[in-house]
PDB file of all heavy atoms in Angstrom:
ATOM      1  N   ALA A   1       1.248  -6.636  -6.658  1.00  0.00           N
ATOM      2  CA  ALA A   1       0.359  -7.696  -6.073  1.00  0.00           C
ATOM      3  C   ALA A   1       0.086  -8.699  -7.124  1.00  0.00           C
ATOM      4  O   ALA A   1      -0.009  -9.885  -6.733  1.00  0.00           O
ATOM      5  CB  ALA A   1      -1.040  -6.867  -5.591  1.00  0.00           C
ATOM      6  N   ARG A   2      -0.168  -8.335  -8.302  1.00  0.00           N
ATOM      7  CA  ARG A   2      -0.416  -9.331  -9.342  1.00  0.00           C
ATOM      8  C   ARG A   2       0.700 -10.312  -9.444  1.00  0.00           C
ATOM      9  O   ARG A   2       0.592 -11.519  -9.673  1.00  0.00           O
ATOM     10  CB  ARG A   2      -0.654  -8.634 -10.742  1.00  0.00           C
ATOM     11  CG  ARG A   2      -2.048  -8.128 -11.015  1.00  0.00           C
ATOM     12  CD  ARG A   2      -2.110  -7.434 -12.263  1.00  0.00           C
ATOM     13  NE  ARG A   2      -3.408  -7.366 -12.741  1.00  0.00           N
ATOM     14  CZ  ARG A   2      -3.942  -6.374 -13.646  1.00  0.00           C
ATOM     15  NH1 ARG A   2      -3.133  -5.439 -14.060  1.00  0.00           N
ATOM     16  NH2 ARG A   2      -5.131  -6.364 -14.008  1.00  0.00           N
ATOM     17  N   ARG A   3       1.993  -9.791  -9.518  1.00  0.00           N
ATOM     18  CA  ARG A   3       3.161 -10.594  -9.674  1.00  0.00           C
ATOM     19  C   ARG A   3       3.230 -11.481  -8.535  1.00  0.00           C
ATOM     20  O   ARG A   3       3.779 -12.682  -8.525  1.00  0.00           O
ATOM     21  CB  ARG A   3       4.382  -9.739  -9.910  1.00  0.00           C
ATOM     22  CG  ARG A   3       4.304  -9.055 -11.297  1.00  0.00           C
ATOM     23  CD  ARG A   3       5.481  -8.265 -11.595  1.00  0.00           C
ATOM     24  NE  ARG A   3       5.406  -7.454 -12.754  1.00  0.00           N
ATOM     25  CZ  ARG A   3       6.446  -6.646 -13.217  1.00  0.00           C
ATOM     26  NH1 ARG A   3       7.553  -6.754 -12.680  1.00  0.00           N
ATOM     27  NH2 ARG A   3       6.202  -6.010 -14.356  1.00  0.00           N
ATOM     28  N   ALA A   4       2.989 -10.965  -7.218  1.00  0.00           N
ATOM     29  CA  ALA A   4       3.029 -11.752  -6.028  1.00  0.00           C
ATOM     30  C   ALA A   4       2.034 -12.965  -6.071  1.00  0.00           C
ATOM     31  O   ALA A   4       2.383 -13.986  -5.749  1.00  0.00           O
ATOM     32  CB  ALA A   4       2.819 -10.799  -4.795  1.00  0.00           C
ATOM     33  N   ALA A   5       0.870 -12.652  -6.606  1.00  0.00           N
ATOM     34  CA  ALA A   5      -0.159 -13.626  -6.636  1.00  0.00           C
ATOM     35  C   ALA A   5       0.308 -14.719  -7.702  1.00  0.00           C
ATOM     36  O   ALA A   5       0.073 -15.979  -7.507  1.00  0.00           O
ATOM     37  CB  ALA A   5      -1.538 -13.048  -7.175  1.00  0.00           C
ATOM     38  N   ALA A   6       0.788 -14.312  -8.777  1.00  0.00           N
ATOM     39  CA  ALA A   6       1.243 -15.276  -9.867  1.00  0.00           C
ATOM     40  C   ALA A   6       2.444 -16.244  -9.243  1.00  0.00           C
ATOM     41  O   ALA A   6       2.581 -17.400  -9.518  1.00  0.00           O
ATOM     42  CB  ALA A   6       1.745 -14.515 -11.004  1.00  0.00           C
ATOM     43  N   LEU A   7       3.344 -15.530  -8.534  1.00  0.00           N
ATOM     44  CA  LEU A   7       4.425 -16.223  -7.937  1.00  0.00           C
ATOM     45  C   LEU A   7       4.030 -17.332  -6.878  1.00  0.00           C
ATOM     46  O   LEU A   7       4.395 -18.418  -6.871  1.00  0.00           O
ATOM     47  CB  LEU A   7       5.448 -15.313  -7.351  1.00  0.00           C
ATOM     48  CG  LEU A   7       6.646 -15.968  -6.559  1.00  0.00           C
ATOM     49  CD1 LEU A   7       7.585 -16.599  -7.692  1.00  0.00           C
ATOM     50  CD2 LEU A   7       7.411 -14.929  -5.846  1.00  0.00           C
ATOM     51  N   SER A   8       3.110 -16.902  -6.084  1.00  0.00           N
ATOM     52  CA  SER A   8       2.707 -17.742  -4.935  1.00  0.00           C
ATOM     53  C   SER A   8       1.626 -18.701  -5.175  1.00  0.00           C
ATOM     54  O   SER A   8       1.470 -19.620  -4.494  1.00  0.00           O
ATOM     55  CB  SER A   8       2.337 -16.867  -3.680  1.00  0.00           C
ATOM     56  OG  SER A   8       1.158 -16.033  -4.051  1.00  0.00           O
ATOM     57  N   GLY A   9       0.827 -18.307  -6.241  1.00  0.00           N
ATOM     58  CA  GLY A   9      -0.313 -19.145  -6.598  1.00  0.00           C
ATOM     59  C   GLY A   9      -1.499 -18.898  -5.693  1.00  0.00           C
ATOM     60  O   GLY A   9      -2.440 -19.640  -5.710  1.00  0.00           O
ATOM     61  N   ALA A  10      -1.386 -17.824  -4.890  1.00  0.00           N
ATOM     62  CA  ALA A  10      -2.415 -17.456  -4.027  1.00  0.00           C
ATOM     63  C   ALA A  10      -3.091 -16.228  -4.418  1.00  0.00           C
ATOM     64  O   ALA A  10      -2.431 -15.329  -4.942  1.00  0.00           O
ATOM     65  CB  ALA A  10      -1.774 -17.461  -2.665  1.00  0.00           C
ATOM     66  N   VAL A  11      -4.275 -15.938  -3.833  1.00  0.00           N
ATOM     67  CA  VAL A  11      -4.916 -14.611  -3.815  1.00  0.00           C
ATOM     68  C   VAL A  11      -4.139 -13.711  -2.833  1.00  0.00           C
ATOM     69  O   VAL A  11      -4.000 -14.171  -1.705  1.00  0.00           O
ATOM     70  CB  VAL A  11      -6.378 -14.568  -3.573  1.00  0.00           C
ATOM     71  CG1 VAL A  11      -6.945 -13.249  -3.380  1.00  0.00           C
ATOM     72  CG2 VAL A  11      -7.085 -15.375  -4.669  1.00  0.00           C
ATOM     73  N   VAL A  12      -3.572 -12.605  -3.300  1.00  0.00           N
ATOM     74  CA  VAL A  12      -2.913 -11.666  -2.364  1.00  0.00           C
ATOM     75  C   VAL A  12      -3.687 -10.504  -2.069  1.00  0.00           C
ATOM     76  O   VAL A  12      -4.212  -9.767  -3.045  1.00  0.00           O
ATOM     77  CB  VAL A  12      -1.533 -11.281  -3.052  1.00  0.00           C
ATOM     78  CG1 VAL A  12      -0.790 -10.301  -2.148  1.00  0.00           C
ATOM     79  CG2 VAL A  12      -0.694 -12.585  -3.146  1.00  0.00           C
ATOM     80  N   VAL A  13      -3.823 -10.166  -0.690  1.00  0.00           N
ATOM     81  CA  VAL A  13      -4.476  -9.029  -0.251  1.00  0.00           C
ATOM     82  C   VAL A  13      -3.446  -8.014   0.209  1.00  0.00           C
ATOM     83  O   VAL A  13      -2.860  -8.252   1.340  1.00  0.00           O
ATOM     84  CB  VAL A  13      -5.599  -9.336   0.801  1.00  0.00           C
ATOM     85  CG1 VAL A  13      -6.244  -7.988   1.244  1.00  0.00           C
ATOM     86  CG2 VAL A  13      -6.591 -10.246   0.216  1.00  0.00           C
ATOM     87  N   ASP A  14      -3.013  -7.109  -0.661  1.00  0.00           N
ATOM     88  CA  ASP A  14      -1.971  -6.252  -0.203  1.00  0.00           C
ATOM     89  C   ASP A  14      -2.565  -5.055   0.415  1.00  0.00           C
ATOM     90  O   ASP A  14      -3.014  -4.041  -0.154  1.00  0.00           O
ATOM     91  CB  ASP A  14      -1.038  -5.745  -1.544  1.00  0.00           C
ATOM     92  CG  ASP A  14       0.181  -4.935  -1.128  1.00  0.00           C
ATOM     93  OD1 ASP A  14       0.407  -4.739  -0.021  1.00  0.00           O
ATOM     94  OD2 ASP A  14       0.886  -4.651  -2.135  1.00  0.00           O
ATOM     95  N   LYS A  15      -2.453  -5.045   1.814  1.00  0.00           N
ATOM     96  CA  LYS A  15      -3.268  -4.115   2.609  1.00  0.00           C
ATOM     97  C   LYS A  15      -2.746  -2.707   2.646  1.00  0.00           C
ATOM     98  O   LYS A  15      -1.465  -2.473   2.445  1.00  0.00           O
ATOM     99  CB  LYS A  15      -3.525  -4.759   3.968  1.00  0.00           C
ATOM    100  CG  LYS A  15      -4.230  -6.039   3.970  1.00  0.00           C
ATOM    101  CD  LYS A  15      -4.484  -6.473   5.427  1.00  0.00           C
ATOM    102  CE  LYS A  15      -3.272  -6.905   6.207  1.00  0.00           C
ATOM    103  NZ  LYS A  15      -3.536  -7.584   7.475  1.00  0.00           N
ATOM    104  N   GLY A  16      -3.550  -1.842   2.984  1.00  0.00           N
ATOM    105  CA  GLY A  16      -3.177  -0.453   3.048  1.00  0.00           C
ATOM    106  C   GLY A  16      -4.327   0.461   2.879  1.00  0.00           C
ATOM    107  O   GLY A  16      -5.503   0.040   2.693  1.00  0.00           O
ATOM    108  N   PRO A  17      -4.142   1.787   2.771  1.00  0.00           N
ATOM    109  CA  PRO A  17      -5.274   2.668   2.463  1.00  0.00           C
ATOM    110  C   PRO A  17      -5.762   2.585   0.952  1.00  0.00           C
ATOM    111  O   PRO A  17      -6.844   3.047   0.672  1.00  0.00           O
ATOM    112  CB  PRO A  17      -4.618   4.129   2.625  1.00  0.00           C
ATOM    113  CG  PRO A  17      -3.203   3.894   2.447  1.00  0.00           C
ATOM    114  CD  PRO A  17      -2.888   2.547   3.007  1.00  0.00           C
ATOM    115  N   ASP A  18      -5.054   1.750   0.220  1.00  0.00           N
ATOM    116  CA  ASP A  18      -5.438   1.525  -1.131  1.00  0.00           C
ATOM    117  C   ASP A  18      -5.175   0.010  -1.460  1.00  0.00           C
ATOM    118  O   ASP A  18      -4.548  -0.397  -2.297  1.00  0.00           O
ATOM    119  CB  ASP A  18      -4.600   2.307  -2.210  1.00  0.00           C
ATOM    120  CG  ASP A  18      -3.065   2.220  -1.943  1.00  0.00           C
ATOM    121  OD1 ASP A  18      -2.633   1.584  -0.929  1.00  0.00           O
ATOM    122  OD2 ASP A  18      -2.338   2.852  -2.769  1.00  0.00           O
ATOM    123  N   THR A  19      -5.848  -0.810  -0.488  1.00  0.00           N
ATOM    124  CA  THR A  19      -5.699  -2.210  -0.593  1.00  0.00           C
ATOM    125  C   THR A  19      -5.907  -2.762  -2.048  1.00  0.00           C
ATOM    126  O   THR A  19      -6.894  -2.457  -2.672  1.00  0.00           O
ATOM    127  CB  THR A  19      -6.593  -2.992   0.379  1.00  0.00           C
ATOM    128  OG1 THR A  19      -6.228  -2.563   1.711  1.00  0.00           O
ATOM    129  CG2 THR A  19      -6.725  -4.454   0.176  1.00  0.00           C
ATOM    130  N   VAL A  20      -4.971  -3.665  -2.449  1.00  0.00           N
ATOM    131  CA  VAL A  20      -5.154  -4.332  -3.797  1.00  0.00           C
ATOM    132  C   VAL A  20      -5.496  -5.837  -3.475  1.00  0.00           C
ATOM    133  O   VAL A  20      -4.742  -6.442  -2.692  1.00  0.00           O
ATOM    134  CB  VAL A  20      -3.807  -4.187  -4.566  1.00  0.00           C
ATOM    135  CG1 VAL A  20      -3.950  -4.866  -5.890  1.00  0.00           C
ATOM    136  CG2 VAL A  20      -3.658  -2.572  -4.915  1.00  0.00           C
ATOM    137  N   VAL A  21      -6.371  -6.325  -4.191  1.00  0.00           N
ATOM    138  CA  VAL A  21      -6.526  -7.879  -4.161  1.00  0.00           C
ATOM    139  C   VAL A  21      -6.187  -8.411  -5.498  1.00  0.00           C
ATOM    140  O   VAL A  21      -6.839  -7.906  -6.558  1.00  0.00           O
ATOM    141  CB  VAL A  21      -8.026  -8.133  -3.871  1.00  0.00           C
ATOM    142  CG1 VAL A  21      -8.296  -9.702  -3.729  1.00  0.00           C
ATOM    143  CG2 VAL A  21      -8.464  -7.512  -2.469  1.00  0.00           C
ATOM    144  N   ALA A  22      -5.357  -9.321  -5.565  1.00  0.00           N
ATOM    145  CA  ALA A  22      -4.915  -9.892  -6.917  1.00  0.00           C
ATOM    146  C   ALA A  22      -4.948 -11.475  -6.802  1.00  0.00           C
ATOM    147  O   ALA A  22      -4.705 -12.026  -5.827  1.00  0.00           O
ATOM    148  CB  ALA A  22      -3.437  -9.438  -7.148  1.00  0.00           C
ATOM    149  N   ALA A  23      -5.371 -11.987  -7.992  1.00  0.00           N
ATOM    150  CA  ALA A  23      -5.568 -13.355  -8.100  1.00  0.00           C
ATOM    151  C   ALA A  23      -4.410 -13.885  -8.881  1.00  0.00           C
ATOM    152  O   ALA A  23      -3.855 -13.143  -9.910  1.00  0.00           O
ATOM    153  CB  ALA A  23      -6.902 -13.702  -8.759  1.00  0.00           C
ATOM    154  N   PRO A  24      -4.111 -15.157  -8.827  1.00  0.00           N
ATOM    155  CA  PRO A  24      -3.013 -15.754  -9.689  1.00  0.00           C
ATOM    156  C   PRO A  24      -3.304 -15.640 -11.300  1.00  0.00           C
ATOM    157  O   PRO A  24      -2.396 -15.601 -12.036  1.00  0.00           O
ATOM    158  CB  PRO A  24      -2.935 -17.253  -9.293  1.00  0.00           C
ATOM    159  CG  PRO A  24      -3.421 -17.098  -7.867  1.00  0.00           C
ATOM    160  CD  PRO A  24      -4.513 -16.216  -7.802  1.00  0.00           C
ATOM    161  N   ASP A  25      -4.612 -15.568 -11.606  1.00  0.00           N
ATOM    162  CA  ASP A  25      -4.951 -15.469 -13.079  1.00  0.00           C
ATOM    163  C   ASP A  25      -4.843 -14.081 -13.604  1.00  0.00           C
ATOM    164  O   ASP A  25      -5.182 -13.889 -14.780  1.00  0.00           O
ATOM    165  CB  ASP A  25      -6.396 -16.124 -13.208  1.00  0.00           C
ATOM    166  CG  ASP A  25      -7.413 -15.322 -12.443  1.00  0.00           C
ATOM    167  OD1 ASP A  25      -7.232 -14.240 -12.001  1.00  0.00           O
ATOM    168  OD2 ASP A  25      -8.560 -15.866 -12.487  1.00  0.00           O
ATOM    169  N   GLY A  26      -4.404 -13.198 -12.909  1.00  0.00           N
ATOM    170  CA  GLY A  26      -4.231 -11.895 -13.267  1.00  0.00           C
ATOM    171  C   GLY A  26      -5.389 -10.754 -12.985  1.00  0.00           C
ATOM    172  O   GLY A  26      -5.146  -9.568 -13.128  1.00  0.00           O
ATOM    173  N   ARG A  27      -6.515 -11.298 -12.512  1.00  0.00           N
ATOM    174  CA  ARG A  27      -7.510 -10.377 -12.104  1.00  0.00           C
ATOM    175  C   ARG A  27      -7.052  -9.609 -10.885  1.00  0.00           C
ATOM    176  O   ARG A  27      -6.270 -10.235 -10.089  1.00  0.00           O
ATOM    177  CB  ARG A  27      -8.777 -11.194 -11.776  1.00  0.00           C
ATOM    178  CG  ARG A  27      -9.582 -11.731 -12.920  1.00  0.00           C
ATOM    179  CD  ARG A  27     -10.726 -12.558 -12.379  1.00  0.00           C
ATOM    180  NE  ARG A  27     -10.320 -13.661 -11.649  1.00  0.00           N
ATOM    181  CZ  ARG A  27     -11.151 -14.259 -10.734  1.00  0.00           C
ATOM    182  NH1 ARG A  27     -12.277 -13.835 -10.490  1.00  0.00           N
ATOM    183  NH2 ARG A  27     -10.530 -15.290 -10.076  1.00  0.00           N
ATOM    184  N   ALA A  28      -7.618  -8.284 -10.714  1.00  0.00           N
ATOM    185  CA  ALA A  28      -7.113  -7.539  -9.600  1.00  0.00           C
ATOM    186  C   ALA A  28      -8.195  -6.508  -9.309  1.00  0.00           C
ATOM    187  O   ALA A  28      -8.967  -6.011 -10.181  1.00  0.00           O
ATOM    188  CB  ALA A  28      -5.738  -6.930  -9.754  1.00  0.00           C
TER     189      ALA A  28
END
């Protein structure tokens, strides 16, 4: 999720039973 956020420049909400929220700046 972190790498996806860095690639896209967007906050990525990778959904599931263990949803991860990742920002382009590396916060997750």
